[in-house]
Amino acid sequence: MNHSNVTTSKKAIPQVTSNQLDAIIAEEHFSIIDVRNPKGIESQGSIPKAHNIPFETIEHAVDKEHEDYNPIFDGDGPFLFCCTGGVMSYMAALKAQEKGVENVHNLEGGHAAWLKFKNTQN
């Protein structure tokens, strides 16, 4: 996989930390996009109020001209991308940004970091 896009992106993707996620969920200000495949979500659990748009489909989901366009991107965001560890969601956020979606963020460390944070709070 070519990761050169990460360093050559015209604008870095802001990171949201695990300890910020519960407030984001409660406020419902962000649209949360989970880019894991449905089986991954089923086995690992989901983030409340997250919309599942698998990584492989992101480019079409953000393309208004494509039949698989997802109307969640009609809004101005902010959009928070997440995955298991934070890498694929970062790549998805970059793809969305390259297609013109603004106000994109990434969950730093992904779902796994959020679960770890939640477990330390109990």
N, C-alpha and C. Protein backbone atom coordinates (compact mmCIF):
# COMPACT_ATOMS: atom_id res chain seq x y z
N MET A 1 0.85 -1.18 0.00
CA MET A 1 0.00 0.00 0.00
C MET A 1 0.89 1.24 0.00
N ASN A 2 0.55 2.21 -0.78
CA ASN A 2 1.32 3.44 -0.89
C ASN A 2 0.83 4.44 0.16
N HIS A 3 1.67 4.77 1.11
CA HIS A 3 1.31 5.71 2.16
C HIS A 3 1.82 7.11 1.88
N SER A 4 2.34 7.36 0.70
CA SER A 4 2.90 8.67 0.40
C SER A 4 1.83 9.76 0.43
N ASN A 5 0.57 9.41 0.19
CA ASN A 5 -0.49 10.41 0.24
C ASN A 5 -0.63 11.03 1.63
N VAL A 6 -0.28 10.27 2.64
CA VAL A 6 -0.40 10.77 4.00
C VAL A 6 0.50 11.98 4.19
N THR A 7 1.71 11.92 3.67
CA THR A 7 2.65 13.01 3.89
C THR A 7 2.51 14.12 2.85
N THR A 8 1.89 13.84 1.72
CA THR A 8 1.77 14.86 0.68
C THR A 8 0.39 15.49 0.64
N SER A 9 -0.47 15.13 1.57
CA SER A 9 -1.80 15.72 1.60
C SER A 9 -1.70 17.23 1.76
N LYS A 10 -2.59 17.95 1.09
CA LYS A 10 -2.54 19.40 1.17
C LYS A 10 -2.90 19.90 2.55
N LYS A 11 -3.57 19.09 3.34
CA LYS A 11 -4.00 19.52 4.66
C LYS A 11 -4.06 18.29 5.56
N ALA A 12 -3.42 18.36 6.71
CA ALA A 12 -3.44 17.23 7.64
C ALA A 12 -4.84 17.03 8.20
N ILE A 13 -5.13 15.80 8.55
CA ILE A 13 -6.43 15.46 9.12
C ILE A 13 -6.35 15.64 10.64
N PRO A 14 -7.18 16.50 11.22
CA PRO A 14 -7.16 16.67 12.68
C PRO A 14 -7.55 15.37 13.38
N GLN A 15 -6.90 15.13 14.51
CA GLN A 15 -7.15 13.93 15.29
C GLN A 15 -8.07 14.24 16.47
N VAL A 16 -9.00 13.34 16.72
CA VAL A 16 -9.86 13.40 17.89
C VAL A 16 -9.40 12.27 18.81
N THR A 17 -9.22 12.56 20.09
CA THR A 17 -8.74 11.54 21.01
C THR A 17 -9.90 10.74 21.60
N SER A 18 -9.57 9.58 22.11
CA SER A 18 -10.57 8.68 22.68
C SER A 18 -11.35 9.33 23.82
N ASN A 19 -10.66 10.14 24.62
CA ASN A 19 -11.36 10.76 25.75
C ASN A 19 -12.33 11.86 25.31
N GLN A 20 -12.28 12.29 24.05
CA GLN A 20 -13.22 13.26 23.52
C GLN A 20 -14.45 12.60 22.90
N LEU A 21 -14.36 11.30 22.61
CA LEU A 21 -15.41 10.65 21.82
C LEU A 21 -16.76 10.59 22.52
N ASP A 22 -16.82 10.30 23.81
CA ASP A 22 -18.11 10.22 24.50
C ASP A 22 -18.86 11.54 24.43
N ALA A 23 -18.16 12.65 24.58
CA ALA A 23 -18.80 13.96 24.47
C ALA A 23 -19.31 14.20 23.05
N ILE A 24 -18.53 13.77 22.07
CA ILE A 24 -18.94 13.91 20.67
C ILE A 24 -20.21 13.10 20.40
N ILE A 25 -20.25 11.89 20.92
CA ILE A 25 -21.45 11.04 20.75
C ILE A 25 -22.65 11.71 21.41
N ALA A 26 -22.47 12.21 22.62
CA ALA A 26 -23.57 12.82 23.37
C ALA A 26 -24.08 14.10 22.69
N GLU A 27 -23.17 14.90 22.16
CA GLU A 27 -23.56 16.17 21.53
C GLU A 27 -24.19 15.99 20.17
N GLU A 28 -23.91 14.86 19.52
CA GLU A 28 -24.43 14.58 18.17
C GLU A 28 -24.08 15.68 17.18
N HIS A 29 -22.94 16.32 17.38
CA HIS A 29 -22.51 17.40 16.49
C HIS A 29 -21.77 16.83 15.28
N PHE A 30 -21.00 15.77 15.48
CA PHE A 30 -20.24 15.12 14.42
C PHE A 30 -21.09 14.03 13.76
N SER A 31 -20.87 13.80 12.48
CA SER A 31 -21.35 12.59 11.82
C SER A 31 -20.19 11.61 11.91
N ILE A 32 -20.42 10.48 12.56
CA ILE A 32 -19.36 9.49 12.77
C ILE A 32 -19.44 8.44 11.67
N ILE A 33 -18.34 8.25 10.96
CA ILE A 33 -18.26 7.31 9.85
C ILE A 33 -17.31 6.18 10.24
N ASP A 34 -17.84 4.98 10.40
CA ASP A 34 -17.02 3.81 10.74
C ASP A 34 -16.71 3.09 9.44
N VAL A 35 -15.42 3.01 9.10
CA VAL A 35 -15.02 2.44 7.80
C VAL A 35 -14.65 0.97 7.87
N ARG A 36 -14.88 0.32 9.02
CA ARG A 36 -14.62 -1.12 9.12
C ARG A 36 -15.68 -1.87 8.32
N ASN A 37 -15.35 -3.10 7.94
CA ASN A 37 -16.36 -3.91 7.25
C ASN A 37 -17.38 -4.37 8.29
N PRO A 38 -18.59 -4.70 7.86
CA PRO A 38 -19.64 -5.09 8.81
C PRO A 38 -19.25 -6.24 9.75
N LYS A 39 -18.45 -7.20 9.24
CA LYS A 39 -18.02 -8.31 10.11
C LYS A 39 -17.11 -7.82 11.22
N GLY A 40 -16.27 -6.85 10.92
CA GLY A 40 -15.40 -6.27 11.94
C GLY A 40 -16.19 -5.58 13.03
N ILE A 41 -17.22 -4.86 12.62
CA ILE A 41 -18.08 -4.18 13.59
C ILE A 41 -18.82 -5.20 14.44
N GLU A 42 -19.30 -6.25 13.78
CA GLU A 42 -20.03 -7.30 14.50
C GLU A 42 -19.14 -7.96 15.55
N SER A 43 -17.89 -8.24 15.21
CA SER A 43 -17.01 -8.94 16.15
C SER A 43 -16.39 -8.00 17.19
N GLN A 44 -16.15 -6.74 16.83
CA GLN A 44 -15.46 -5.82 17.73
C GLN A 44 -16.39 -4.87 18.47
N GLY A 45 -17.61 -4.75 17.99
CA GLY A 45 -18.54 -3.79 18.59
C GLY A 45 -18.53 -2.49 17.81
N SER A 46 -19.53 -1.67 18.08
CA SER A 46 -19.66 -0.43 17.32
C SER A 46 -19.63 0.79 18.23
N ILE A 47 -19.43 1.91 17.62
CA ILE A 47 -19.51 3.19 18.31
C ILE A 47 -20.95 3.68 18.14
N PRO A 48 -21.60 4.06 19.23
CA PRO A 48 -23.00 4.51 19.12
C PRO A 48 -23.15 5.64 18.10
N LYS A 49 -24.21 5.54 17.33
CA LYS A 49 -24.61 6.54 16.32
C LYS A 49 -23.66 6.64 15.13
N ALA A 50 -22.74 5.67 14.99
CA ALA A 50 -21.82 5.67 13.84
C ALA A 50 -22.52 5.09 12.62
N HIS A 51 -22.18 5.63 11.46
CA HIS A 51 -22.69 5.14 10.18
C HIS A 51 -21.60 4.28 9.56
N ASN A 52 -21.97 3.08 9.15
CA ASN A 52 -20.98 2.19 8.54
C ASN A 52 -20.89 2.43 7.05
N ILE A 53 -19.73 2.90 6.62
CA ILE A 53 -19.41 3.05 5.20
C ILE A 53 -18.03 2.40 5.04
N PRO A 54 -17.99 1.13 4.61
CA PRO A 54 -16.71 0.42 4.52
C PRO A 54 -15.67 1.17 3.69
N PHE A 55 -14.42 1.03 4.10
CA PHE A 55 -13.30 1.73 3.48
C PHE A 55 -13.31 1.61 1.96
N GLU A 56 -13.58 0.41 1.46
CA GLU A 56 -13.54 0.18 0.01
C GLU A 56 -14.57 1.02 -0.74
N THR A 57 -15.58 1.52 -0.06
CA THR A 57 -16.66 2.23 -0.74
C THR A 57 -16.62 3.75 -0.51
N ILE A 58 -15.65 4.23 0.24
CA ILE A 58 -15.61 5.66 0.60
C ILE A 58 -15.58 6.56 -0.63
N GLU A 59 -14.75 6.24 -1.61
CA GLU A 59 -14.63 7.13 -2.77
C GLU A 59 -15.96 7.32 -3.48
N HIS A 60 -16.76 6.25 -3.57
CA HIS A 60 -18.08 6.37 -4.21
C HIS A 60 -19.08 7.05 -3.29
N ALA A 61 -18.96 6.79 -1.99
CA ALA A 61 -19.92 7.35 -1.02
C ALA A 61 -19.82 8.87 -0.94
N VAL A 62 -18.65 9.44 -1.25
CA VAL A 62 -18.49 10.89 -1.17
C VAL A 62 -18.63 11.58 -2.53
N ASP A 63 -18.85 10.81 -3.58
CA ASP A 63 -18.94 11.33 -4.94
C ASP A 63 -20.40 11.56 -5.32
N LYS A 64 -20.82 12.82 -5.35
CA LYS A 64 -22.22 13.15 -5.62
C LYS A 64 -22.72 12.64 -6.96
N GLU A 65 -21.81 12.38 -7.88
CA GLU A 65 -22.17 11.90 -9.21
C GLU A 65 -22.31 10.38 -9.27
N HIS A 66 -21.91 9.69 -8.22
CA HIS A 66 -21.93 8.23 -8.22
C HIS A 66 -23.24 7.71 -7.63
N GLU A 67 -23.71 6.59 -8.15
CA GLU A 67 -24.98 6.01 -7.67
C GLU A 67 -24.91 5.56 -6.21
N ASP A 68 -23.71 5.32 -5.69
CA ASP A 68 -23.56 4.91 -4.29
C ASP A 68 -23.25 6.08 -3.36
N TYR A 69 -23.50 7.30 -3.83
CA TYR A 69 -23.29 8.48 -2.99
C TYR A 69 -24.13 8.35 -1.72
N ASN A 70 -23.53 8.70 -0.59
CA ASN A 70 -24.24 8.63 0.69
C ASN A 70 -24.65 10.04 1.10
N PRO A 71 -25.94 10.28 1.27
CA PRO A 71 -26.42 11.63 1.60
C PRO A 71 -25.94 12.16 2.95
N ILE A 72 -25.30 11.34 3.74
CA ILE A 72 -24.73 11.86 4.99
C ILE A 72 -23.73 12.97 4.68
N PHE A 73 -23.14 12.93 3.49
CA PHE A 73 -22.15 13.93 3.10
C PHE A 73 -22.79 15.18 2.51
N ASP A 74 -24.12 15.28 2.54
CA ASP A 74 -24.79 16.50 2.11
C ASP A 74 -24.55 17.64 3.10
N GLY A 75 -24.32 17.28 4.36
CA GLY A 75 -24.10 18.29 5.39
C GLY A 75 -22.69 18.85 5.34
N ASP A 76 -22.46 19.82 6.19
CA ASP A 76 -21.15 20.48 6.27
C ASP A 76 -20.21 19.82 7.26
N GLY A 77 -20.67 18.75 7.89
CA GLY A 77 -19.84 18.09 8.89
C GLY A 77 -20.01 18.76 10.24
N PRO A 78 -19.10 18.55 11.10
CA PRO A 78 -17.86 17.81 10.95
C PRO A 78 -18.09 16.30 10.85
N PHE A 79 -17.15 15.64 10.17
CA PHE A 79 -17.20 14.21 9.97
C PHE A 79 -16.03 13.57 10.73
N LEU A 80 -16.34 12.56 11.53
CA LEU A 80 -15.31 11.85 12.28
C LEU A 80 -15.20 10.44 11.72
N PHE A 81 -14.05 10.12 11.12
CA PHE A 81 -13.81 8.79 10.57
C PHE A 81 -13.16 7.92 11.62
N CYS A 82 -13.59 6.66 11.69
CA CYS A 82 -12.99 5.73 12.65
C CYS A 82 -12.89 4.34 12.04
N CYS A 83 -11.97 3.55 12.59
CA CYS A 83 -11.77 2.16 12.20
C CYS A 83 -11.25 1.44 13.44
N THR A 84 -10.61 0.31 13.26
CA THR A 84 -10.11 -0.42 14.42
C THR A 84 -8.94 0.30 15.10
N GLY A 85 -7.94 0.71 14.32
CA GLY A 85 -6.73 1.28 14.91
C GLY A 85 -6.40 2.71 14.51
N GLY A 86 -7.19 3.30 13.64
CA GLY A 86 -6.99 4.69 13.25
C GLY A 86 -6.27 4.93 11.94
N VAL A 87 -5.72 3.87 11.32
CA VAL A 87 -4.97 4.06 10.08
C VAL A 87 -5.89 4.08 8.86
N MET A 88 -6.75 3.08 8.74
CA MET A 88 -7.66 3.04 7.57
C MET A 88 -8.62 4.23 7.60
N SER A 89 -9.05 4.63 8.77
CA SER A 89 -9.95 5.79 8.85
C SER A 89 -9.22 7.07 8.45
N TYR A 90 -7.94 7.16 8.78
CA TYR A 90 -7.16 8.32 8.35
C TYR A 90 -7.07 8.36 6.83
N MET A 91 -6.81 7.19 6.24
CA MET A 91 -6.76 7.11 4.78
C MET A 91 -8.11 7.44 4.16
N ALA A 92 -9.18 6.98 4.78
CA ALA A 92 -10.54 7.29 4.28
C ALA A 92 -10.82 8.78 4.39
N ALA A 93 -10.40 9.39 5.48
CA ALA A 93 -10.59 10.84 5.65
C ALA A 93 -9.82 11.61 4.58
N LEU A 94 -8.61 11.14 4.27
CA LEU A 94 -7.83 11.76 3.19
C LEU A 94 -8.56 11.65 1.86
N LYS A 95 -9.08 10.45 1.57
CA LYS A 95 -9.82 10.24 0.31
C LYS A 95 -11.02 11.18 0.24
N ALA A 96 -11.75 11.28 1.35
CA ALA A 96 -12.92 12.16 1.37
C ALA A 96 -12.50 13.61 1.14
N GLN A 97 -11.43 14.01 1.80
CA GLN A 97 -10.92 15.38 1.65
C GLN A 97 -10.51 15.65 0.20
N GLU A 98 -9.85 14.68 -0.41
CA GLU A 98 -9.42 14.83 -1.80
C GLU A 98 -10.61 14.96 -2.75
N LYS A 99 -11.74 14.37 -2.36
CA LYS A 99 -12.96 14.46 -3.18
C LYS A 99 -13.79 15.70 -2.84
N GLY A 100 -13.26 16.56 -1.96
CA GLY A 100 -13.93 17.82 -1.68
C GLY A 100 -14.70 17.89 -0.38
N VAL A 101 -14.72 16.82 0.40
CA VAL A 101 -15.40 16.85 1.70
C VAL A 101 -14.52 17.64 2.66
N GLU A 102 -15.11 18.60 3.33
CA GLU A 102 -14.36 19.43 4.27
C GLU A 102 -14.75 19.06 5.69
N ASN A 103 -13.97 19.57 6.62
CA ASN A 103 -14.26 19.39 8.04
C ASN A 103 -14.22 17.91 8.45
N VAL A 104 -13.17 17.21 8.00
CA VAL A 104 -12.99 15.79 8.33
C VAL A 104 -11.99 15.64 9.47
N HIS A 105 -12.26 14.65 10.31
CA HIS A 105 -11.41 14.34 11.46
C HIS A 105 -11.22 12.83 11.52
N ASN A 106 -10.23 12.41 12.29
CA ASN A 106 -9.95 10.99 12.47
C ASN A 106 -9.91 10.67 13.95
N LEU A 107 -10.46 9.50 14.31
CA LEU A 107 -10.37 9.04 15.70
C LEU A 107 -8.99 8.43 15.92
N GLU A 108 -8.16 9.13 16.66
CA GLU A 108 -6.79 8.70 16.92
C GLU A 108 -6.79 7.37 17.67
N GLY A 109 -6.13 6.38 17.10
CA GLY A 109 -6.07 5.06 17.73
C GLY A 109 -7.29 4.20 17.47
N GLY A 110 -8.30 4.78 16.86
CA GLY A 110 -9.49 4.04 16.45
C GLY A 110 -10.35 3.48 17.58
N HIS A 111 -11.20 2.56 17.19
CA HIS A 111 -12.14 1.91 18.09
C HIS A 111 -11.41 1.22 19.24
N ALA A 112 -10.26 0.61 18.94
CA ALA A 112 -9.48 -0.10 19.97
C ALA A 112 -9.03 0.86 21.07
N ALA A 113 -8.57 2.04 20.71
CA ALA A 113 -8.13 3.01 21.71
C ALA A 113 -9.31 3.51 22.54
N TRP A 114 -10.46 3.68 21.89
CA TRP A 114 -11.65 4.12 22.62
C TRP A 114 -12.08 3.06 23.63
N LEU A 115 -12.06 1.78 23.21
CA LEU A 115 -12.42 0.70 24.14
C LEU A 115 -11.44 0.65 25.31
N LYS A 116 -10.17 0.81 25.03
CA LYS A 116 -9.16 0.81 26.09
C LYS A 116 -9.42 1.96 27.06
N PHE A 117 -9.72 3.14 26.52
CA PHE A 117 -10.01 4.30 27.35
C PHE A 117 -11.25 4.03 28.22
N LYS A 118 -12.28 3.48 27.60
CA LYS A 118 -13.52 3.19 28.35
C LYS A 118 -13.25 2.19 29.47
N ASN A 119 -12.43 1.18 29.22
CA ASN A 119 -12.11 0.18 30.24
C ASN A 119 -11.33 0.76 31.41
N THR A 120 -10.54 1.81 31.16
CA THR A 120 -9.79 2.42 32.25
C THR A 120 -10.68 3.35 33.08
N GLN A 121 -11.85 3.70 32.55
CA GLN A 121 -12.78 4.58 33.26
C GLN A 121 -13.67 3.83 34.24
N ASN A 122 -13.72 2.51 34.11
CA ASN A 122 -14.61 1.70 34.97
C ASN A 122 -13.97 1.30 36.27
